[in-house]
Amino acid sequence: RVWSISEGDEDARIEQAIRRTQDFFEQMGVKTRLSDYQLGA
C-alpha cells in the first residue's frame, strides 16, 4: 500500500520495503547506521 511493491516472494517484498524506508531516511539527509555517527559494536 505504501511502496506499491507487488512482485517477488513475501520475504523479498518485505526486505524491499525496509530497504526503501531506509533509503528514504537517507534521502532526507538522516543517516541510518551507528557507524555514520562514529559508533559501533
Full PDB file with SEQRES, HELIX, SHEET, SSBOND, CRYST1, ORIGX, SCALE, CONECT and MASTER records, all heavy atoms in Angstrom:
SEQRES   1 A   41  ARG VAL TRP SER ILE SER GLU GLY ASP GLU ASP ALA ARG          
SEQRES   2 A   41  ILE GLU GLN ALA ILE ARG ARG THR GLN ASP PHE PHE GLU          
SEQRES   3 A   41  GLN MET GLY VAL LYS THR ARG LEU SER ASP TYR GLN LEU          
SEQRES   4 A   41  GLY ALA                                                      
HELIX    1 AA1 GLU A   10  GLN A   27  1                                  18    
HELIX    2 AA2 LEU A   34  TYR A   37  5                                   4    
CRYST1    1.000    1.000    1.000  90.00  90.00  90.00 P 1           1          
ORIGX1      1.000000  0.000000  0.000000        0.00000                         
ORIGX2      0.000000  1.000000  0.000000        0.00000                         
ORIGX3      0.000000  0.000000  1.000000        0.00000                         
SCALE1      1.000000  0.000000  0.000000        0.00000                         
SCALE2      0.000000  1.000000  0.000000        0.00000                         
SCALE3      0.000000  0.000000  1.000000        0.00000                         
ATOM      1  N   ARG A   1       0.805  -1.232   0.000  1.00  0.00           N  
ATOM      2  CA  ARG A   1       0.000   0.000   0.000  1.00  0.00           C  
ATOM      3  C   ARG A   1       0.836   1.279   0.000  1.00  0.00           C  
ATOM      4  O   ARG A   1       0.438   2.277  -0.608  1.00  0.00           O  
ATOM      5  CB  ARG A   1      -0.943   0.008   1.198  1.00  0.00           C  
ATOM      6  CG  ARG A   1      -2.028  -1.056   1.147  1.00  0.00           C  
ATOM      7  CD  ARG A   1      -2.979  -0.858   2.310  1.00  0.00           C  
ATOM      8  NE  ARG A   1      -4.029  -1.862   2.354  1.00  0.00           N  
ATOM      9  CZ  ARG A   1      -4.966  -1.901   3.300  1.00  0.00           C  
ATOM     10  NH1 ARG A   1      -4.982  -0.997   4.261  1.00  0.00           N  
ATOM     11  NH2 ARG A   1      -5.888  -2.847   3.284  1.00  0.00           N  
ATOM     12  N   VAL A   2       1.963   1.267   0.694  1.00  0.00           N  
ATOM     13  CA  VAL A   2       2.765   2.483   0.806  1.00  0.00           C  
ATOM     14  C   VAL A   2       3.818   2.552  -0.296  1.00  0.00           C  
ATOM     15  O   VAL A   2       4.038   3.614  -0.891  1.00  0.00           O  
ATOM     16  CB  VAL A   2       3.417   2.567   2.197  1.00  0.00           C  
ATOM     17  CG1 VAL A   2       4.359   3.766   2.292  1.00  0.00           C  
ATOM     18  CG2 VAL A   2       2.339   2.657   3.281  1.00  0.00           C  
ATOM     19  N   TRP A   3       4.449   1.419  -0.620  1.00  0.00           N  
ATOM     20  CA  TRP A   3       5.535   1.421  -1.596  1.00  0.00           C  
ATOM     21  C   TRP A   3       5.155   0.772  -2.916  1.00  0.00           C  
ATOM     22  O   TRP A   3       5.991   0.690  -3.825  1.00  0.00           O  
ATOM     23  CB  TRP A   3       6.756   0.710  -1.010  1.00  0.00           C  
ATOM     24  CG  TRP A   3       7.379   1.428   0.151  1.00  0.00           C  
ATOM     25  CD1 TRP A   3       7.354   1.054   1.462  1.00  0.00           C  
ATOM     26  CD2 TRP A   3       8.118   2.660   0.098  1.00  0.00           C  
ATOM     27  NE1 TRP A   3       8.033   1.964   2.241  1.00  0.00           N  
ATOM     28  CE2 TRP A   3       8.515   2.961   1.424  1.00  0.00           C  
ATOM     29  CE3 TRP A   3       8.476   3.528  -0.928  1.00  0.00           C  
ATOM     30  CZ2 TRP A   3       9.254   4.107   1.746  1.00  0.00           C  
ATOM     31  CZ3 TRP A   3       9.211   4.660  -0.619  1.00  0.00           C  
ATOM     32  CH2 TRP A   3       9.600   4.938   0.697  1.00  0.00           C  
ATOM     33  N   SER A   4       3.919   0.290  -3.046  1.00  0.00           N  
ATOM     34  CA  SER A   4       3.433  -0.337  -4.298  1.00  0.00           C  
ATOM     35  C   SER A   4       4.328  -1.489  -4.749  1.00  0.00           C  
ATOM     36  O   SER A   4       4.606  -1.658  -5.947  1.00  0.00           O  
ATOM     37  CB  SER A   4       3.325   0.711  -5.421  1.00  0.00           C  
ATOM     38  OG  SER A   4       2.440   1.736  -5.059  1.00  0.00           O  
ATOM     39  N   ILE A   5       4.759  -2.290  -3.786  1.00  0.00           N  
ATOM     40  CA  ILE A   5       5.603  -3.450  -4.079  1.00  0.00           C  
ATOM     41  C   ILE A   5       4.711  -4.679  -4.151  1.00  0.00           C  
ATOM     42  O   ILE A   5       4.082  -5.064  -3.165  1.00  0.00           O  
ATOM     43  CB  ILE A   5       6.674  -3.635  -2.987  1.00  0.00           C  
ATOM     44  CG1 ILE A   5       7.614  -2.417  -2.958  1.00  0.00           C  
ATOM     45  CG2 ILE A   5       7.459  -4.919  -3.225  1.00  0.00           C  
ATOM     46  CD1 ILE A   5       8.536  -2.397  -1.745  1.00  0.00           C  
ATOM     47  N   SER A   6       4.661  -5.312  -5.318  1.00  0.00           N  
ATOM     48  CA  SER A   6       3.756  -6.457  -5.500  1.00  0.00           C  
ATOM     49  C   SER A   6       4.436  -7.678  -6.088  1.00  0.00           C  
ATOM     50  O   SER A   6       3.843  -8.754  -6.147  1.00  0.00           O  
ATOM     51  CB  SER A   6       2.587  -6.050  -6.408  1.00  0.00           C  
ATOM     52  OG  SER A   6       3.062  -5.575  -7.657  1.00  0.00           O  
ATOM     53  N   GLU A   7       5.686  -7.537  -6.520  1.00  0.00           N  
ATOM     54  CA  GLU A   7       6.375  -8.647  -7.160  1.00  0.00           C  
ATOM     55  C   GLU A   7       7.397  -9.277  -6.214  1.00  0.00           C  
ATOM     56  O   GLU A   7       7.966  -8.612  -5.360  1.00  0.00           O  
ATOM     57  CB  GLU A   7       7.078  -8.170  -8.428  1.00  0.00           C  
ATOM     58  CG  GLU A   7       6.101  -7.674  -9.493  1.00  0.00           C  
ATOM     59  CD  GLU A   7       6.811  -7.297 -10.781  1.00  0.00           C  
ATOM     60  OE1 GLU A   7       8.052  -7.387 -10.828  1.00  0.00           O  
ATOM     61  OE2 GLU A   7       6.111  -6.900 -11.730  1.00  0.00           O  
ATOM     62  N   GLY A   8       7.597 -10.580  -6.399  1.00  0.00           N  
ATOM     63  CA  GLY A   8       8.540 -11.322  -5.578  1.00  0.00           C  
ATOM     64  C   GLY A   8       7.844 -12.075  -4.466  1.00  0.00           C  
ATOM     65  O   GLY A   8       6.654 -11.874  -4.201  1.00  0.00           O  
ATOM     66  N   ASP A   9       8.601 -12.971  -3.815  1.00  0.00           N  
ATOM     67  CA  ASP A   9       8.002 -13.709  -2.703  1.00  0.00           C  
ATOM     68  C   ASP A   9       7.875 -12.787  -1.489  1.00  0.00           C  
ATOM     69  O   ASP A   9       8.345 -11.641  -1.490  1.00  0.00           O  
ATOM     70  CB  ASP A   9       8.791 -14.970  -2.381  1.00  0.00           C  
ATOM     71  CG  ASP A   9      10.226 -14.697  -1.938  1.00  0.00           C  
ATOM     72  OD1 ASP A   9      10.488 -13.605  -1.374  1.00  0.00           O  
ATOM     73  OD2 ASP A   9      11.086 -15.565  -2.133  1.00  0.00           O  
ATOM     74  N   GLU A  10       7.249 -13.298  -0.418  1.00  0.00           N  
ATOM     75  CA  GLU A  10       6.945 -12.450   0.731  1.00  0.00           C  
ATOM     76  C   GLU A  10       8.209 -11.845   1.341  1.00  0.00           C  
ATOM     77  O   GLU A  10       8.261 -10.648   1.623  1.00  0.00           O  
ATOM     78  CB  GLU A  10       6.174 -13.243   1.785  1.00  0.00           C  
ATOM     79  CG  GLU A  10       4.742 -13.550   1.395  1.00  0.00           C  
ATOM     80  CD  GLU A  10       3.961 -14.158   2.544  1.00  0.00           C  
ATOM     81  OE1 GLU A  10       4.573 -14.434   3.613  1.00  0.00           O  
ATOM     82  OE2 GLU A  10       2.740 -14.361   2.391  1.00  0.00           O  
ATOM     83  N   ASP A  11       9.221 -12.666   1.550  1.00  0.00           N  
ATOM     84  CA  ASP A  11      10.429 -12.161   2.185  1.00  0.00           C  
ATOM     85  C   ASP A  11      11.110 -11.096   1.330  1.00  0.00           C  
ATOM     86  O   ASP A  11      11.643 -10.105   1.862  1.00  0.00           O  
ATOM     87  CB  ASP A  11      11.405 -13.302   2.475  1.00  0.00           C  
ATOM     88  CG  ASP A  11      10.952 -14.169   3.638  1.00  0.00           C  
ATOM     89  OD1 ASP A  11      10.043 -13.739   4.378  1.00  0.00           O  
ATOM     90  OD2 ASP A  11      11.499 -15.279   3.806  1.00  0.00           O  
ATOM     91  N   ALA A  12      11.083 -11.300   0.038  1.00  0.00           N  
ATOM     92  CA  ALA A  12      11.702 -10.326  -0.863  1.00  0.00           C  
ATOM     93  C   ALA A  12      10.950  -8.997  -0.825  1.00  0.00           C  
ATOM     94  O   ALA A  12      11.557  -7.917  -0.829  1.00  0.00           O  
ATOM     95  CB  ALA A  12      11.736 -10.870  -2.283  1.00  0.00           C  
ATOM     96  N   ARG A  13       9.620  -9.055  -0.783  1.00  0.00           N  
ATOM     97  CA  ARG A  13       8.814  -7.831  -0.718  1.00  0.00           C  
ATOM     98  C   ARG A  13       9.053  -7.089   0.594  1.00  0.00           C  
ATOM     99  O   ARG A  13       9.156  -5.858   0.623  1.00  0.00           O  
ATOM    100  CB  ARG A  13       7.333  -8.166  -0.878  1.00  0.00           C  
ATOM    101  CG  ARG A  13       6.894  -8.363  -2.332  1.00  0.00           C  
ATOM    102  CD  ARG A  13       5.437  -8.739  -2.410  1.00  0.00           C  
ATOM    103  NE  ARG A  13       5.228 -10.172  -2.210  1.00  0.00           N  
ATOM    104  CZ  ARG A  13       4.114 -10.715  -1.751  1.00  0.00           C  
ATOM    105  NH1 ARG A  13       3.096  -9.954  -1.369  1.00  0.00           N  
ATOM    106  NH2 ARG A  13       4.004 -12.026  -1.638  1.00  0.00           N  
ATOM    107  N   ILE A  14       9.138  -7.848   1.675  1.00  0.00           N  
ATOM    108  CA  ILE A  14       9.376  -7.225   2.979  1.00  0.00           C  
ATOM    109  C   ILE A  14      10.734  -6.539   3.004  1.00  0.00           C  
ATOM    110  O   ILE A  14      10.862  -5.389   3.427  1.00  0.00           O  
ATOM    111  CB  ILE A  14       9.271  -8.282   4.095  1.00  0.00           C  
ATOM    112  CG1 ILE A  14       7.807  -8.680   4.292  1.00  0.00           C  
ATOM    113  CG2 ILE A  14       9.884  -7.766   5.396  1.00  0.00           C  
ATOM    114  CD1 ILE A  14       7.612  -9.872   5.209  1.00  0.00           C  
ATOM    115  N   GLU A  15      11.764  -7.230   2.543  1.00  0.00           N  
ATOM    116  CA  GLU A  15      13.106  -6.643   2.548  1.00  0.00           C  
ATOM    117  C   GLU A  15      13.160  -5.414   1.654  1.00  0.00           C  
ATOM    118  O   GLU A  15      13.805  -4.412   2.001  1.00  0.00           O  
ATOM    119  CB  GLU A  15      14.138  -7.671   2.107  1.00  0.00           C  
ATOM    120  CG  GLU A  15      15.566  -7.123   2.005  1.00  0.00           C  
ATOM    121  CD  GLU A  15      16.068  -6.451   3.281  1.00  0.00           C  
ATOM    122  OE1 GLU A  15      15.656  -6.863   4.394  1.00  0.00           O  
ATOM    123  OE2 GLU A  15      16.865  -5.495   3.166  1.00  0.00           O  
ATOM    124  N   GLN A  16      12.480  -5.458   0.508  1.00  0.00           N  
ATOM    125  CA  GLN A  16      12.475  -4.299  -0.378  1.00  0.00           C  
ATOM    126  C   GLN A  16      11.800  -3.103   0.302  1.00  0.00           C  
ATOM    127  O   GLN A  16      12.270  -1.968   0.179  1.00  0.00           O  
ATOM    128  CB  GLN A  16      11.756  -4.631  -1.689  1.00  0.00           C  
ATOM    129  CG  GLN A  16      11.886  -3.530  -2.742  1.00  0.00           C  
ATOM    130  CD  GLN A  16      11.205  -3.901  -4.047  1.00  0.00           C  
ATOM    131  OE1 GLN A  16      10.802  -5.032  -4.259  1.00  0.00           O  
ATOM    132  NE2 GLN A  16      11.072  -2.931  -4.944  1.00  0.00           N  
ATOM    133  N   ALA A  17      10.710  -3.339   1.032  1.00  0.00           N  
ATOM    134  CA  ALA A  17      10.015  -2.251   1.723  1.00  0.00           C  
ATOM    135  C   ALA A  17      10.900  -1.644   2.806  1.00  0.00           C  
ATOM    136  O   ALA A  17      10.946  -0.413   2.973  1.00  0.00           O  
ATOM    137  CB  ALA A  17       8.709  -2.755   2.322  1.00  0.00           C  
ATOM    138  N   ILE A  18      11.611  -2.501   3.544  1.00  0.00           N  
ATOM    139  CA  ILE A  18      12.501  -1.995   4.588  1.00  0.00           C  
ATOM    140  C   ILE A  18      13.654  -1.208   3.961  1.00  0.00           C  
ATOM    141  O   ILE A  18      14.026  -0.132   4.448  1.00  0.00           O  
ATOM    142  CB  ILE A  18      13.035  -3.148   5.460  1.00  0.00           C  
ATOM    143  CG1 ILE A  18      11.881  -3.841   6.195  1.00  0.00           C  
ATOM    144  CG2 ILE A  18      14.074  -2.628   6.459  1.00  0.00           C  
ATOM    145  CD1 ILE A  18      12.285  -5.121   6.913  1.00  0.00           C  
ATOM    146  N   ARG A  19      14.189  -1.739   2.874  1.00  0.00           N  
ATOM    147  CA  ARG A  19      15.284  -1.050   2.193  1.00  0.00           C  
ATOM    148  C   ARG A  19      14.840   0.317   1.670  1.00  0.00           C  
ATOM    149  O   ARG A  19      15.558   1.312   1.797  1.00  0.00           O  
ATOM    150  CB  ARG A  19      15.808  -1.934   1.050  1.00  0.00           C  
ATOM    151  CG  ARG A  19      16.778  -1.243   0.081  1.00  0.00           C  
ATOM    152  CD  ARG A  19      17.920  -0.561   0.756  1.00  0.00           C  
ATOM    153  NE  ARG A  19      18.722  -1.467   1.566  1.00  0.00           N  
ATOM    154  CZ  ARG A  19      19.721  -1.078   2.346  1.00  0.00           C  
ATOM    155  NH1 ARG A  19      20.027   0.206   2.437  1.00  0.00           N  
ATOM    156  NH2 ARG A  19      20.399  -1.954   3.048  1.00  0.00           N  
ATOM    157  N   ARG A  20      13.642   0.390   1.128  1.00  0.00           N  
ATOM    158  CA  ARG A  20      13.155   1.668   0.601  1.00  0.00           C  
ATOM    159  C   ARG A  20      12.883   2.653   1.734  1.00  0.00           C  
ATOM    160  O   ARG A  20      13.059   3.863   1.569  1.00  0.00           O  
ATOM    161  CB  ARG A  20      11.925   1.443  -0.271  1.00  0.00           C  
ATOM    162  CG  ARG A  20      12.280   0.718  -1.575  1.00  0.00           C  
ATOM    163  CD  ARG A  20      11.103   0.526  -2.495  1.00  0.00           C  
ATOM    164  NE  ARG A  20      10.599   1.780  -3.043  1.00  0.00           N  
ATOM    165  CZ  ARG A  20       9.650   1.849  -3.986  1.00  0.00           C  
ATOM    166  NH1 ARG A  20       9.105   0.729  -4.464  1.00  0.00           N  
ATOM    167  NH2 ARG A  20       9.239   3.004  -4.430  1.00  0.00           N  
ATOM    168  N   THR A  21      12.474   2.145   2.875  1.00  0.00           N  
ATOM    169  CA  THR A  21      12.309   3.004   4.047  1.00  0.00           C  
ATOM    170  C   THR A  21      13.648   3.592   4.449  1.00  0.00           C  
ATOM    171  O   THR A  21      13.779   4.806   4.690  1.00  0.00           O  
ATOM    172  CB  THR A  21      11.714   2.200   5.220  1.00  0.00           C  
ATOM    173  OG1 THR A  21      10.483   1.604   4.813  1.00  0.00           O  
ATOM    174  CG2 THR A  21      11.488   3.089   6.432  1.00  0.00           C  
ATOM    175  N   GLN A  22      14.656   2.734   4.510  1.00  0.00           N  
ATOM    176  CA  GLN A  22      15.999   3.174   4.870  1.00  0.00           C  
ATOM    177  C   GLN A  22      16.529   4.185   3.849  1.00  0.00           C  
ATOM    178  O   GLN A  22      17.119   5.216   4.221  1.00  0.00           O  
ATOM    179  CB  GLN A  22      16.909   1.947   4.935  1.00  0.00           C  
ATOM    180  CG  GLN A  22      18.164   2.119   5.761  1.00  0.00           C  
ATOM    181  CD  GLN A  22      18.801   0.777   6.111  1.00  0.00           C  
ATOM    182  OE1 GLN A  22      18.243  -0.290   5.839  1.00  0.00           O  
ATOM    183  NE2 GLN A  22      19.976   0.820   6.709  1.00  0.00           N  
ATOM    184  N   ASP A  23      16.300   3.925   2.577  1.00  0.00           N  
ATOM    185  CA  ASP A  23      16.738   4.846   1.527  1.00  0.00           C  
ATOM    186  C   ASP A  23      16.039   6.195   1.646  1.00  0.00           C  
ATOM    187  O   ASP A  23      16.634   7.254   1.383  1.00  0.00           O  
ATOM    188  CB  ASP A  23      16.466   4.244   0.152  1.00  0.00           C  
ATOM    189  CG  ASP A  23      17.371   3.063  -0.178  1.00  0.00           C  
ATOM    190  OD1 ASP A  23      18.385   2.878   0.539  1.00  0.00           O  
ATOM    191  OD2 ASP A  23      17.058   2.325  -1.126  1.00  0.00           O  
ATOM    192  N   PHE A  24      14.770   6.176   2.038  1.00  0.00           N  
ATOM    193  CA  PHE A  24      14.031   7.423   2.216  1.00  0.00           C  
ATOM    194  C   PHE A  24      14.639   8.259   3.345  1.00  0.00           C  
ATOM    195  O   PHE A  24      14.817   9.481   3.205  1.00  0.00           O  
ATOM    196  CB  PHE A  24      12.559   7.127   2.502  1.00  0.00           C  
ATOM    197  CG  PHE A  24      11.757   8.338   2.894  1.00  0.00           C  
ATOM    198  CD1 PHE A  24      11.592   9.396   2.016  1.00  0.00           C  
ATOM    199  CD2 PHE A  24      11.167   8.422   4.156  1.00  0.00           C  
ATOM    200  CE1 PHE A  24      10.864  10.522   2.381  1.00  0.00           C  
ATOM    201  CE2 PHE A  24      10.432   9.535   4.527  1.00  0.00           C  
ATOM    202  CZ  PHE A  24      10.282  10.587   3.627  1.00  0.00           C  
ATOM    203  N   PHE A  25      14.982   7.616   4.440  1.00  0.00           N  
ATOM    204  CA  PHE A  25      15.635   8.345   5.528  1.00  0.00           C  
ATOM    205  C   PHE A  25      16.943   8.969   5.038  1.00  0.00           C  
ATOM    206  O   PHE A  25      17.242  10.134   5.339  1.00  0.00           O  
ATOM    207  CB  PHE A  25      15.913   7.418   6.711  1.00  0.00           C  
ATOM    208  CG  PHE A  25      14.682   6.883   7.400  1.00  0.00           C  
ATOM    209  CD1 PHE A  25      14.781   5.794   8.254  1.00  0.00           C  
ATOM    210  CD2 PHE A  25      13.436   7.460   7.206  1.00  0.00           C  
ATOM    211  CE1 PHE A  25      13.659   5.298   8.912  1.00  0.00           C  
ATOM    212  CE2 PHE A  25      12.304   6.968   7.844  1.00  0.00           C  
ATOM    213  CZ  PHE A  25      12.423   5.880   8.699  1.00  0.00           C  
ATOM    214  N   GLU A  26      17.711   8.201   4.307  1.00  0.00           N  
ATOM    215  CA  GLU A  26      18.966   8.715   3.759  1.00  0.00           C  
ATOM    216  C   GLU A  26      18.703   9.886   2.807  1.00  0.00           C  
ATOM    217  O   GLU A  26      19.450  10.883   2.802  1.00  0.00           O  
ATOM    218  CB  GLU A  26      19.725   7.604   3.033  1.00  0.00           C  
ATOM    219  CG  GLU A  26      20.181   6.453   3.920  1.00  0.00           C  
ATOM    220  CD  GLU A  26      21.531   6.699   4.563  1.00  0.00           C  
ATOM    221  OE1 GLU A  26      22.186   7.706   4.227  1.00  0.00           O  
ATOM    222  OE2 GLU A  26      21.953   5.872   5.401  1.00  0.00           O  
ATOM    223  N   GLN A  27      17.659   9.775   1.993  1.00  0.00           N  
ATOM    224  CA  GLN A  27      17.294  10.849   1.070  1.00  0.00           C  
ATOM    225  C   GLN A  27      16.973  12.137   1.826  1.00  0.00           C  
ATOM    226  O   GLN A  27      17.250  13.247   1.337  1.00  0.00           O  
ATOM    227  CB  GLN A  27      16.081  10.427   0.225  1.00  0.00           C  
ATOM    228  CG  GLN A  27      15.681  11.445  -0.834  1.00  0.00           C  
ATOM    229  CD  GLN A  27      14.442  11.005  -1.606  1.00  0.00           C  
ATOM    230  OE1 GLN A  27      13.759  10.053  -1.226  1.00  0.00           O  
ATOM    231  NE2 GLN A  27      14.152  11.698  -2.688  1.00  0.00           N  
ATOM    232  N   MET A  28      16.420  11.992   3.028  1.00  0.00           N  
ATOM    233  CA  MET A  28      16.101  13.160   3.851  1.00  0.00           C  
ATOM    234  C   MET A  28      17.322  13.662   4.618  1.00  0.00           C  
ATOM    235  O   MET A  28      17.219  14.599   5.417  1.00  0.00           O  
ATOM    236  CB  MET A  28      14.975  12.822   4.830  1.00  0.00           C  
ATOM    237  CG  MET A  28      13.628  12.551   4.181  1.00  0.00           C  
ATOM    238  SD  MET A  28      13.064  13.861   3.059  1.00  0.00           S  
ATOM    239  CE  MET A  28      13.071  15.291   4.116  1.00  0.00           C  
ATOM    240  N   GLY A  29      18.479  13.049   4.370  1.00  0.00           N  
ATOM    241  CA  GLY A  29      19.707  13.511   4.999  1.00  0.00           C  
ATOM    242  C   GLY A  29      19.954  12.948   6.375  1.00  0.00           C  
ATOM    243  O   GLY A  29      20.819  13.449   7.110  1.00  0.00           O  
ATOM    244  N   VAL A  30      19.216  11.888   6.748  1.00  0.00           N  
ATOM    245  CA  VAL A  30      19.361  11.291   8.073  1.00  0.00           C  
ATOM    246  C   VAL A  30      19.998   9.913   7.906  1.00  0.00           C  
ATOM    247  O   VAL A  30      19.385   8.997   7.355  1.00  0.00           O  
ATOM    248  CB  VAL A  30      18.003  11.186   8.794  1.00  0.00           C  
ATOM    249  CG1 VAL A  30      18.214  10.697  10.230  1.00  0.00           C  
ATOM    250  CG2 VAL A  30      17.294  12.532   8.795  1.00  0.00           C  
ATOM    251  N   LYS A  31      21.229   9.768   8.364  1.00  0.00           N  
ATOM    252  CA  LYS A  31      21.975   8.533   8.200  1.00  0.00           C  
ATOM    253  C   LYS A  31      21.389   7.416   9.067  1.00  0.00           C  
ATOM    254  O   LYS A  31      20.793   7.677  10.108  1.00  0.00           O  
ATOM    255  CB  LYS A  31      23.437   8.750   8.550  1.00  0.00           C  
ATOM    256  CG  LYS A  31      24.145   9.745   7.634  1.00  0.00           C  
ATOM    257  CD  LYS A  31      24.182   9.246   6.200  1.00  0.00           C  
ATOM    258  CE  LYS A  31      24.954  10.183   5.293  1.00  0.00           C  
ATOM    259  NZ  LYS A  31      24.974   9.686   3.884  1.00  0.00           N  
ATOM    260  N   THR A  32      21.608   6.167   8.646  1.00  0.00           N  
ATOM    261  CA  THR A  32      20.865   5.048   9.226  1.00  0.00           C  
ATOM    262  C   THR A  32      21.725   3.980   9.892  1.00  0.00           C  
ATOM    263  O   THR A  32      21.211   2.916  10.240  1.00  0.00           O  
ATOM    264  CB  THR A  32      20.007   4.388   8.135  1.00  0.00           C  
ATOM    265  OG1 THR A  32      20.861   3.937   7.073  1.00  0.00           O  
ATOM    266  CG2 THR A  32      18.971   5.344   7.576  1.00  0.00           C  
ATOM    267  N   ARG A  33      23.013   4.269  10.094  1.00  0.00           N  
ATOM    268  CA  ARG A  33      23.861   3.272  10.736  1.00  0.00           C  
ATOM    269  C   ARG A  33      24.652   3.891  11.880  1.00  0.00           C  
ATOM    270  O   ARG A  33      25.023   5.067  11.836  1.00  0.00           O  
ATOM    271  CB  ARG A  33      24.820   2.629   9.728  1.00  0.00           C  
ATOM    272  CG  ARG A  33      24.088   1.818   8.663  1.00  0.00           C  
ATOM    273  CD  ARG A  33      25.008   0.854   7.946  1.00  0.00           C  
ATOM    274  NE  ARG A  33      24.244  -0.033   7.064  1.00  0.00           N  
ATOM    275  CZ  ARG A  33      23.634  -1.139   7.455  1.00  0.00           C  
ATOM    276  NH1 ARG A  33      23.710  -1.516   8.730  1.00  0.00           N  
ATOM    277  NH2 ARG A  33      22.956  -1.880   6.600  1.00  0.00           N  
ATOM    278  N   LEU A  34      24.922   3.100  12.894  1.00  0.00           N  
ATOM    279  CA  LEU A  34      25.729   3.579  14.010  1.00  0.00           C  
ATOM    280  C   LEU A  34      27.069   4.120  13.534  1.00  0.00           C  
ATOM    281  O   LEU A  34      27.562   5.136  14.044  1.00  0.00           O  
ATOM    282  CB  LEU A  34      25.951   2.444  15.017  1.00  0.00           C  
ATOM    283  CG  LEU A  34      24.757   2.035  15.879  1.00  0.00           C  
ATOM    284  CD1 LEU A  34      25.062   0.725  16.607  1.00  0.00           C  
ATOM    285  CD2 LEU A  34      24.390   3.119  16.869  1.00  0.00           C  
ATOM    286  N   SER A  35      27.654   3.449  12.561  1.00  0.00           N  
ATOM    287  CA  SER A  35      28.967   3.869  12.077  1.00  0.00           C  
ATOM    288  C   SER A  35      28.947   5.261  11.456  1.00  0.00           C  
ATOM    289  O   SER A  35      29.983   5.936  11.402  1.00  0.00           O  
ATOM    290  CB  SER A  35      29.508   2.854  11.067  1.00  0.00           C  
ATOM    291  OG  SER A  35      28.598   2.664  10.002  1.00  0.00           O  
ATOM    292  N   ASP A  36      27.773   5.703  11.000  1.00  0.00           N  
ATOM    293  CA  ASP A  36      27.660   7.051  10.448  1.00  0.00           C  
ATOM    294  C   ASP A  36      27.850   8.118  11.523  1.00  0.00           C  
ATOM    295  O   ASP A  36      28.075   9.293  11.210  1.00  0.00           O  
ATOM    296  CB  ASP A  36      26.289   7.249   9.795  1.00  0.00           C  
ATOM    297  CG  ASP A  36      26.099   6.375   8.559  1.00  0.00           C  
ATOM    298  OD1 ASP A  36      27.043   6.263   7.763  1.00  0.00           O  
ATOM    299  OD2 ASP A  36      24.997   5.812   8.401  1.00  0.00           O  
ATOM    300  N   TYR A  37      27.753   7.720  12.773  1.00  0.00           N  
ATOM    301  CA  TYR A  37      27.860   8.644  13.902  1.00  0.00           C  
ATOM    302  C   TYR A  37      29.053   8.292  14.799  1.00  0.00           C  
ATOM    303  O   TYR A  37      29.064   8.612  15.983  1.00  0.00           O  
ATOM    304  CB  TYR A  37      26.563   8.631  14.708  1.00  0.00           C  
ATOM    305  CG  TYR A  37      25.357   8.944  13.850  1.00  0.00           C  
ATOM    306  CD1 TYR A  37      24.599   7.912  13.272  1.00  0.00           C  
ATOM    307  CD2 TYR A  37      24.975  10.259  13.577  1.00  0.00           C  
ATOM    308  CE1 TYR A  37      23.498   8.183  12.471  1.00  0.00           C  
ATOM    309  CE2 TYR A  37      23.882  10.536  12.780  1.00  0.00           C  
ATOM    310  CZ  TYR A  37      23.152   9.496  12.227  1.00  0.00           C  
ATOM    311  OH  TYR A  37      22.051   9.775  11.416  1.00  0.00           O  
ATOM    312  N   GLN A  38      30.046   7.627  14.206  1.00  0.00           N  
ATOM    313  CA  GLN A  38      31.274   7.233  14.914  1.00  0.00           C  
ATOM    314  C   GLN A  38      30.972   6.319  16.109  1.00  0.00           C  
ATOM    315  O   GLN A  38      31.651   6.366  17.136  1.00  0.00           O  
ATOM    316  CB  GLN A  38      32.068   8.469  15.374  1.00  0.00           C  
ATOM    317  CG  GLN A  38      32.684   9.279  14.247  1.00  0.00           C  
ATOM    318  CD  GLN A  38      31.653  10.066  13.444  1.00  0.00           C  
ATOM    319  OE1 GLN A  38      30.911  10.859  14.021  1.00  0.00           O  
ATOM    320  NE2 GLN A  38      31.603   9.863  12.139  1.00  0.00           N  
ATOM    321  N   LEU A  39      29.955   5.497  15.963  1.00  0.00           N  
ATOM    322  CA  LEU A  39      29.616   4.494  16.967  1.00  0.00           C  
ATOM    323  C   LEU A  39      29.708   3.120  16.318  1.00  0.00           C  
ATOM    324  O   LEU A  39      29.715   3.004  15.091  1.00  0.00           O  
ATOM    325  CB  LEU A  39      28.213   4.727  17.526  1.00  0.00           C  
ATOM    326  CG  LEU A  39      27.965   6.076  18.221  1.00  0.00           C  
ATOM    327  CD1 LEU A  39      26.493   6.237  18.554  1.00  0.00           C  
ATOM    328  CD2 LEU A  39      28.809   6.201  19.477  1.00  0.00           C  
ATOM    329  N   GLY A  40      29.768   2.076  17.143  1.00  0.00           N  
ATOM    330  CA  GLY A  40      29.872   0.742  16.573  1.00  0.00           C  
ATOM    331  C   GLY A  40      29.543  -0.336  17.576  1.00  0.00           C  
ATOM    332  O   GLY A  40      28.905  -0.083  18.614  1.00  0.00           O  
ATOM    333  N   ALA A  41      30.004  -1.547  17.287  1.00  0.00           N  
ATOM    334  CA  ALA A  41      29.690  -2.699  18.134  1.00  0.00           C  
ATOM    335  C   ALA A  41      30.170  -2.497  19.571  1.00  0.00           C  
ATOM    336  O   ALA A  41      29.566  -3.017  20.518  1.00  0.00           O  
ATOM    337  CB  ALA A  41      30.324  -3.953  17.539  1.00  0.00           C  
TER     338      ALA A  41                                                      
MASTER        0    0    0    2    0    0    0    6  337    1    0    4          
END                                                                             
